[in-house]
Amino acid sequence: MNRVLALMAFVTFCGFVGILAFEVPSPDLVAVILFTVALVAYDFATSSKNKPND
């Protein structure tokens, strides 16, 4: 369940910053957005795993 909610948040985030990147196509802004999306994707991949109960 954690992974599904994290995926929905990731897709929503990408949608919002995608609109920003297409409406304001500054190369610097697009580079920052791509870097930010890469960091969010890394966080999604590493922190949304199902952890065993301790």
PDB file of N, CA and C in Angstrom:
ATOM      1  N   MET A   1       0.817  -1.196   0.000  1.00  0.00           N
ATOM      2  CA  MET A   1       0.000   0.000   0.000  1.00  0.00           C
ATOM      3  C   MET A   1       0.864   1.264   0.000  1.00  0.00           C
ATOM      4  N   ASN A   2       2.000   1.225   0.719  1.00  0.00           N
ATOM      5  CA  ASN A   2       2.892   2.384   0.734  1.00  0.00           C
ATOM      6  C   ASN A   2       3.364   2.723  -0.671  1.00  0.00           C
ATOM      7  N   ARG A   3       3.693   1.712  -1.434  1.00  0.00           N
ATOM      8  CA  ARG A   3       4.224   1.938  -2.771  1.00  0.00           C
ATOM      9  C   ARG A   3       3.167   2.548  -3.701  1.00  0.00           C
ATOM     10  N   VAL A   4       1.925   2.142  -3.556  1.00  0.00           N
ATOM     11  CA  VAL A   4       0.850   2.684  -4.400  1.00  0.00           C
ATOM     12  C   VAL A   4       0.648   4.165  -4.099  1.00  0.00           C
ATOM     13  N   LEU A   5       0.592   4.521  -2.833  1.00  0.00           N
ATOM     14  CA  LEU A   5       0.418   5.926  -2.471  1.00  0.00           C
ATOM     15  C   LEU A   5       1.623   6.764  -2.883  1.00  0.00           C
ATOM     16  N   ALA A   6       2.809   6.218  -2.717  1.00  0.00           N
ATOM     17  CA  ALA A   6       4.013   6.941  -3.132  1.00  0.00           C
ATOM     18  C   ALA A   6       4.031   7.128  -4.646  1.00  0.00           C
ATOM     19  N   LEU A   7       3.593   6.126  -5.387  1.00  0.00           N
ATOM     20  CA  LEU A   7       3.540   6.247  -6.843  1.00  0.00           C
ATOM     21  C   LEU A   7       2.524   7.303  -7.273  1.00  0.00           C
ATOM     22  N   MET A   8       1.375   7.354  -6.601  1.00  0.00           N
ATOM     23  CA  MET A   8       0.380   8.380  -6.920  1.00  0.00           C
ATOM     24  C   MET A   8       0.937   9.775  -6.631  1.00  0.00           C
ATOM     25  N   ALA A   9       1.654   9.935  -5.525  1.00  0.00           N
ATOM     26  CA  ALA A   9       2.261  11.229  -5.196  1.00  0.00           C
ATOM     27  C   ALA A   9       3.324  11.604  -6.218  1.00  0.00           C
ATOM     28  N   PHE A  10       4.127  10.620  -6.644  1.00  0.00           N
ATOM     29  CA  PHE A  10       5.171  10.875  -7.638  1.00  0.00           C
ATOM     30  C   PHE A  10       4.568  11.313  -8.974  1.00  0.00           C
ATOM     31  N   VAL A  11       3.530  10.637  -9.410  1.00  0.00           N
ATOM     32  CA  VAL A  11       2.875  10.996 -10.677  1.00  0.00           C
ATOM     33  C   VAL A  11       2.256  12.386 -10.591  1.00  0.00           C
ATOM     34  N   THR A  12       1.631  12.700  -9.459  1.00  0.00           N
ATOM     35  CA  THR A  12       1.042  14.025  -9.273  1.00  0.00           C
ATOM     36  C   THR A  12       2.121  15.104  -9.287  1.00  0.00           C
ATOM     37  N   PHE A  13       3.227  14.860  -8.588  1.00  0.00           N
ATOM     38  CA  PHE A  13       4.336  15.809  -8.574  1.00  0.00           C
ATOM     39  C   PHE A  13       4.879  16.030  -9.985  1.00  0.00           C
ATOM     40  N   CYS A  14       5.075  14.932 -10.725  1.00  0.00           N
ATOM     41  CA  CYS A  14       5.582  15.047 -12.101  1.00  0.00           C
ATOM     42  C   CYS A  14       4.611  15.824 -12.986  1.00  0.00           C
ATOM     43  N   GLY A  15       3.332  15.643 -12.755  1.00  0.00           N
ATOM     44  CA  GLY A  15       2.339  16.409 -13.516  1.00  0.00           C
ATOM     45  C   GLY A  15       2.444  17.902 -13.266  1.00  0.00           C
ATOM     46  N   PHE A  16       2.563  18.286 -12.009  1.00  0.00           N
ATOM     47  CA  PHE A  16       2.667  19.709 -11.681  1.00  0.00           C
ATOM     48  C   PHE A  16       3.951  20.324 -12.230  1.00  0.00           C
ATOM     49  N   VAL A  17       5.081  19.669 -12.024  1.00  0.00           N
ATOM     50  CA  VAL A  17       6.316  20.271 -12.525  1.00  0.00           C
ATOM     51  C   VAL A  17       6.417  20.146 -14.043  1.00  0.00           C
ATOM     52  N   GLY A  18       5.733  19.163 -14.620  1.00  0.00           N
ATOM     53  CA  GLY A  18       5.689  19.057 -16.082  1.00  0.00           C
ATOM     54  C   GLY A  18       4.963  20.241 -16.704  1.00  0.00           C
ATOM     55  N   ILE A  19       3.866  20.631 -16.097  1.00  0.00           N
ATOM     56  CA  ILE A  19       3.145  21.815 -16.571  1.00  0.00           C
ATOM     57  C   ILE A  19       4.050  23.043 -16.482  1.00  0.00           C
ATOM     58  N   LEU A  20       4.755  23.178 -15.383  1.00  0.00           N
ATOM     59  CA  LEU A  20       5.673  24.308 -15.217  1.00  0.00           C
ATOM     60  C   LEU A  20       6.766  24.285 -16.284  1.00  0.00           C
ATOM     61  N   ALA A  21       7.329  23.107 -16.547  1.00  0.00           N
ATOM     62  CA  ALA A  21       8.413  23.000 -17.532  1.00  0.00           C
ATOM     63  C   ALA A  21       7.927  23.338 -18.937  1.00  0.00           C
ATOM     64  N   PHE A  22       6.686  22.973 -19.269  1.00  0.00           N
ATOM     65  CA  PHE A  22       6.182  23.256 -20.612  1.00  0.00           C
ATOM     66  C   PHE A  22       5.708  24.691 -20.772  1.00  0.00           C
ATOM     67  N   GLU A  23       5.214  25.291 -19.700  1.00  0.00           N
ATOM     68  CA  GLU A  23       4.735  26.673 -19.785  1.00  0.00           C
ATOM     69  C   GLU A  23       5.868  27.687 -19.707  1.00  0.00           C
ATOM     70  N   VAL A  24       6.938  27.348 -18.997  1.00  0.00           N
ATOM     71  CA  VAL A  24       8.091  28.241 -18.854  1.00  0.00           C
ATOM     72  C   VAL A  24       9.324  27.461 -19.314  1.00  0.00           C
ATOM     73  N   PRO A  25       9.551  27.347 -20.603  1.00  0.00           N
ATOM     74  CA  PRO A  25      10.616  26.453 -21.103  1.00  0.00           C
ATOM     75  C   PRO A  25      12.025  27.039 -21.013  1.00  0.00           C
ATOM     76  N   SER A  26      12.379  27.549 -19.871  1.00  0.00           N
ATOM     77  CA  SER A  26      13.742  28.037 -19.659  1.00  0.00           C
ATOM     78  C   SER A  26      14.670  26.840 -19.452  1.00  0.00           C
ATOM     79  N   PRO A  27      15.803  26.800 -20.137  1.00  0.00           N
ATOM     80  CA  PRO A  27      16.711  25.647 -19.987  1.00  0.00           C
ATOM     81  C   PRO A  27      17.174  25.431 -18.548  1.00  0.00           C
ATOM     82  N   ASP A  28      17.430  26.513 -17.819  1.00  0.00           N
ATOM     83  CA  ASP A  28      17.854  26.370 -16.428  1.00  0.00           C
ATOM     84  C   ASP A  28      16.743  25.766 -15.570  1.00  0.00           C
ATOM     85  N   LEU A  29      15.524  26.231 -15.778  1.00  0.00           N
ATOM     86  CA  LEU A  29      14.399  25.709 -15.017  1.00  0.00           C
ATOM     87  C   LEU A  29      14.159  24.240 -15.337  1.00  0.00           C
ATOM     88  N   VAL A  30      14.242  23.869 -16.589  1.00  0.00           N
ATOM     89  CA  VAL A  30      14.057  22.473 -16.985  1.00  0.00           C
ATOM     90  C   VAL A  30      15.143  21.598 -16.363  1.00  0.00           C
ATOM     91  N   ALA A  31      16.360  22.085 -16.302  1.00  0.00           N
ATOM     92  CA  ALA A  31      17.445  21.315 -15.685  1.00  0.00           C
ATOM     93  C   ALA A  31      17.187  21.099 -14.195  1.00  0.00           C
ATOM     94  N   VAL A  32      16.724  22.136 -13.507  1.00  0.00           N
ATOM     95  CA  VAL A  32      16.418  22.007 -12.077  1.00  0.00           C
ATOM     96  C   VAL A  32      15.252  21.044 -11.874  1.00  0.00           C
ATOM     97  N   ILE A  33      14.250  21.117 -12.724  1.00  0.00           N
ATOM     98  CA  ILE A  33      13.104  20.214 -12.611  1.00  0.00           C
ATOM     99  C   ILE A  33      13.533  18.769 -12.849  1.00  0.00           C
ATOM    100  N   LEU A  34      14.364  18.533 -13.848  1.00  0.00           N
ATOM    101  CA  LEU A  34      14.829  17.167 -14.105  1.00  0.00           C
ATOM    102  C   LEU A  34      15.647  16.625 -12.940  1.00  0.00           C
ATOM    103  N   PHE A  35      16.500  17.464 -12.369  1.00  0.00           N
ATOM    104  CA  PHE A  35      17.288  17.052 -11.211  1.00  0.00           C
ATOM    105  C   PHE A  35      16.378  16.744 -10.019  1.00  0.00           C
ATOM    106  N   THR A  36      15.376  17.585  -9.806  1.00  0.00           N
ATOM    107  CA  THR A  36      14.444  17.381  -8.703  1.00  0.00           C
ATOM    108  C   THR A  36      13.632  16.109  -8.893  1.00  0.00           C
ATOM    109  N   VAL A  37      13.159  15.858 -10.100  1.00  0.00           N
ATOM    110  CA  VAL A  37      12.397  14.634 -10.372  1.00  0.00           C
ATOM    111  C   VAL A  37      13.285  13.407 -10.182  1.00  0.00           C
ATOM    112  N   ALA A  38      14.557  13.501 -10.547  1.00  0.00           N
ATOM    113  CA  ALA A  38      15.475  12.382 -10.326  1.00  0.00           C
ATOM    114  C   ALA A  38      15.646  12.106  -8.836  1.00  0.00           C
ATOM    115  N   LEU A  39      15.757  13.148  -8.027  1.00  0.00           N
ATOM    116  CA  LEU A  39      15.870  12.965  -6.577  1.00  0.00           C
ATOM    117  C   LEU A  39      14.593  12.362  -5.985  1.00  0.00           C
ATOM    118  N   VAL A  40      13.455  12.813  -6.467  1.00  0.00           N
ATOM    119  CA  VAL A  40      12.181  12.269  -5.981  1.00  0.00           C
ATOM    120  C   VAL A  40      12.038  10.813  -6.400  1.00  0.00           C
ATOM    121  N   ALA A  41      12.461  10.468  -7.604  1.00  0.00           N
ATOM    122  CA  ALA A  41      12.400   9.076  -8.057  1.00  0.00           C
ATOM    123  C   ALA A  41      13.316   8.198  -7.217  1.00  0.00           C
ATOM    124  N   TYR A  42      14.492   8.687  -6.887  1.00  0.00           N
ATOM    125  CA  TYR A  42      15.409   7.934  -6.027  1.00  0.00           C
ATOM    126  C   TYR A  42      14.789   7.720  -4.649  1.00  0.00           C
ATOM    127  N   ASP A  43      14.192   8.767  -4.106  1.00  0.00           N
ATOM    128  CA  ASP A  43      13.543   8.648  -2.802  1.00  0.00           C
ATOM    129  C   ASP A  43      12.383   7.661  -2.868  1.00  0.00           C
ATOM    130  N   PHE A  44      11.617   7.701  -3.946  1.00  0.00           N
ATOM    131  CA  PHE A  44      10.518   6.749  -4.122  1.00  0.00           C
ATOM    132  C   PHE A  44      11.039   5.320  -4.154  1.00  0.00           C
ATOM    133  N   ALA A  45      12.109   5.091  -4.879  1.00  0.00           N
ATOM    134  CA  ALA A  45      12.647   3.741  -5.023  1.00  0.00           C
ATOM    135  C   ALA A  45      13.239   3.206  -3.726  1.00  0.00           C
ATOM    136  N   THR A  46      13.812   4.087  -2.917  1.00  0.00           N
ATOM    137  CA  THR A  46      14.503   3.608  -1.722  1.00  0.00           C
ATOM    138  C   THR A  46      13.637   3.608  -0.468  1.00  0.00           C
ATOM    139  N   SER A  47      12.654   4.475  -0.374  1.00  0.00           N
ATOM    140  CA  SER A  47      11.931   4.595   0.891  1.00  0.00           C
ATOM    141  C   SER A  47      10.526   4.017   0.879  1.00  0.00           C
ATOM    142  N   SER A  48      10.019   3.607  -0.254  1.00  0.00           N
ATOM    143  CA  SER A  48       8.638   3.108  -0.293  1.00  0.00           C
ATOM    144  C   SER A  48       8.557   1.588  -0.247  1.00  0.00           C
ATOM    145  N   LYS A  49       9.658   0.944   0.050  1.00  0.00           N
ATOM    146  CA  LYS A  49       9.640  -0.517   0.131  1.00  0.00           C
ATOM    147  C   LYS A  49       8.842  -0.948   1.356  1.00  0.00           C
ATOM    148  N   ASN A  50       8.233  -2.119   1.249  1.00  0.00           N
ATOM    149  CA  ASN A  50       7.535  -2.673   2.408  1.00  0.00           C
ATOM    150  C   ASN A  50       8.561  -3.170   3.409  1.00  0.00           C
ATOM    151  N   LYS A  51       8.543  -2.572   4.567  1.00  0.00           N
ATOM    152  CA  LYS A  51       9.513  -2.934   5.601  1.00  0.00           C
ATOM    153  C   LYS A  51       8.928  -4.038   6.473  1.00  0.00           C
ATOM    154  N   PRO A  52       9.748  -4.978   6.893  1.00  0.00           N
ATOM    155  CA  PRO A  52       9.236  -6.017   7.790  1.00  0.00           C
ATOM    156  C   PRO A  52       8.883  -5.434   9.152  1.00  0.00           C
ATOM    157  N   ASN A  53       7.912  -6.027   9.793  1.00  0.00           N
ATOM    158  CA  ASN A  53       7.521  -5.562  11.129  1.00  0.00           C
ATOM    159  C   ASN A  53       8.611  -5.904  12.133  1.00  0.00           C
ATOM    160  N   ASP A  54       9.001  -4.914  12.906  1.00  0.00           N
ATOM    161  CA  ASP A  54      10.039  -5.138  13.917  1.00  0.00           C
ATOM    162  C   ASP A  54       9.451  -5.610  15.218  1.00  0.00           C
TER     163      ASP A  54
END
